[in-house]
Amino acid sequence: MNGVTFEGEVVRLTPEQGGRLSGPPTASEYPVTGFVPPSTIDNDLASFWRAGFKAGDWLRRNRLVAVRRKCWPQEIGPGSVVVITEGARTVAYFHVDEVQAADS
């Protein structure tokens, strides 16, 4: 899949914090949506493919691959946080450590 790859850690919210009621997803790879503040869920939601996930982990090294986005007013780089959403709800935060160029 072509796209910029972001390496980092994901912190999932517990159900008590407003995260997924069913807990972390069980698939090792799956699509997610998210945004980078100061953007919001209403004005700049992007699509990602999430990989490197181990079922049951609440904090884990992961990989996000950007699939599609409208237009971000800022670049995503080390230190950025991608807010991961499900519907209109924030379910996790992805802390970017590294950025890898798009596949050709």
Protein backbone atom coordinates (compact mmCIF):
# COMPACT_ATOMS: atom_id res chain seq x y z
CA MET A 1 0.00 0.00 0.00
CA ASN A 2 1.44 3.36 -0.98
CA GLY A 3 1.56 6.09 1.61
CA VAL A 4 3.74 7.79 4.18
CA THR A 5 4.45 5.49 7.12
CA PHE A 6 4.53 6.76 10.68
CA GLU A 7 6.21 4.70 13.41
CA GLY A 8 5.32 5.31 17.03
CA GLU A 9 3.27 4.26 20.02
CA VAL A 10 -0.47 4.12 20.38
CA VAL A 11 -2.20 4.79 23.67
CA ARG A 12 -5.74 3.44 23.67
CA LEU A 13 -8.38 4.92 25.89
CA THR A 14 -10.09 2.49 28.23
CA PRO A 15 -13.87 2.19 28.06
CA GLU A 16 -14.03 4.32 31.22
CA GLN A 17 -12.04 7.04 29.41
CA GLY A 18 -14.41 6.99 26.42
CA GLY A 19 -12.55 4.39 24.34
CA ARG A 20 -13.92 1.26 22.70
CA LEU A 21 -16.44 -0.56 24.88
CA SER A 22 -15.20 -3.89 23.50
CA GLY A 23 -11.55 -3.06 24.23
CA PRO A 24 -8.71 -3.02 21.69
CA PRO A 25 -9.40 -4.50 18.24
CA THR A 26 -8.28 -8.09 17.78
CA ALA A 27 -6.99 -7.81 14.19
CA SER A 28 -3.25 -7.22 13.70
CA GLU A 29 -3.93 -4.78 10.85
CA TYR A 30 -6.98 -2.66 10.25
CA PRO A 31 -8.15 0.70 8.86
CA VAL A 32 -8.54 3.68 11.17
CA THR A 33 -9.47 7.34 10.87
CA GLY A 34 -7.83 10.21 12.66
CA PHE A 35 -6.76 13.83 12.68
CA VAL A 36 -3.84 15.93 13.84
CA PRO A 37 -4.62 18.88 16.12
CA PRO A 38 -5.31 21.74 15.64
CA SER A 39 -7.51 20.05 13.02
CA THR A 40 -10.64 18.35 14.32
CA ILE A 41 -12.81 15.37 13.52
CA ASP A 42 -15.18 17.79 11.75
CA ASN A 43 -12.74 19.54 9.44
CA ASP A 44 -9.86 17.23 8.52
CA LEU A 45 -10.30 13.52 9.05
CA ALA A 46 -7.75 11.26 7.37
CA SER A 47 -7.67 7.52 6.62
CA PHE A 48 -4.83 5.29 7.79
CA TRP A 49 -3.95 1.62 7.73
CA ARG A 50 -2.75 0.46 11.11
CA ALA A 51 -0.22 -2.38 11.43
CA GLY A 52 2.00 -3.94 14.07
CA PHE A 53 -0.83 -4.31 16.57
CA LYS A 54 -0.95 -7.07 19.14
CA ALA A 55 -4.44 -7.89 20.40
CA GLY A 56 -5.02 -6.93 24.01
CA ASP A 57 -2.24 -4.34 24.22
CA TRP A 58 -3.24 -0.87 25.40
CA LEU A 59 0.20 0.65 24.78
CA ARG A 60 2.30 -0.69 21.92
CA ARG A 61 4.77 0.21 19.21
CA ASN A 62 2.77 0.54 16.00
CA ARG A 63 2.85 1.67 12.41
CA LEU A 64 0.32 3.94 10.69
CA VAL A 65 0.28 4.27 6.90
CA ALA A 66 -1.47 7.34 5.52
CA VAL A 67 -4.02 6.23 2.95
CA ARG A 68 -6.07 9.31 2.19
CA ARG A 69 -6.45 12.79 3.57
CA LYS A 70 -8.01 16.05 2.53
CA CYS A 71 -5.36 18.60 3.42
CA TRP A 72 -3.44 19.00 6.62
CA PRO A 73 -2.39 22.55 7.53
CA GLN A 74 0.74 21.17 9.16
CA GLU A 75 3.14 18.35 8.48
CA ILE A 76 3.17 15.23 10.61
CA GLY A 77 6.61 14.62 12.07
CA PRO A 78 8.33 13.21 15.12
CA GLY A 79 6.51 14.49 18.19
CA SER A 80 3.14 14.83 16.42
CA VAL A 81 0.05 13.17 17.83
CA VAL A 82 -2.62 11.62 15.61
CA VAL A 83 -5.98 11.43 17.36
CA ILE A 84 -7.55 8.08 16.40
CA THR A 85 -11.33 8.09 16.09
CA GLU A 86 -14.24 5.70 15.75
CA GLY A 87 -17.32 7.47 14.58
CA ALA A 88 -17.46 10.77 16.46
CA ARG A 89 -15.46 9.42 19.40
CA THR A 90 -11.73 9.60 20.23
CA VAL A 91 -10.50 6.08 21.06
CA ALA A 92 -6.70 6.41 21.02
CA TYR A 93 -3.70 8.67 20.52
CA PHE A 94 -0.83 7.76 18.20
CA HIS A 95 2.49 9.40 19.17
CA VAL A 96 4.75 9.71 16.11
CA ASP A 97 8.45 8.86 16.60
CA GLU A 98 9.57 8.40 12.99
CA VAL A 99 8.33 9.21 9.48
CA GLN A 100 9.23 7.09 6.44
CA ALA A 101 8.78 8.26 2.85
CA ALA A 102 5.98 6.88 0.70
CA ASP A 103 6.50 3.55 -1.06
CA SER A 104 7.01 3.73 -4.79
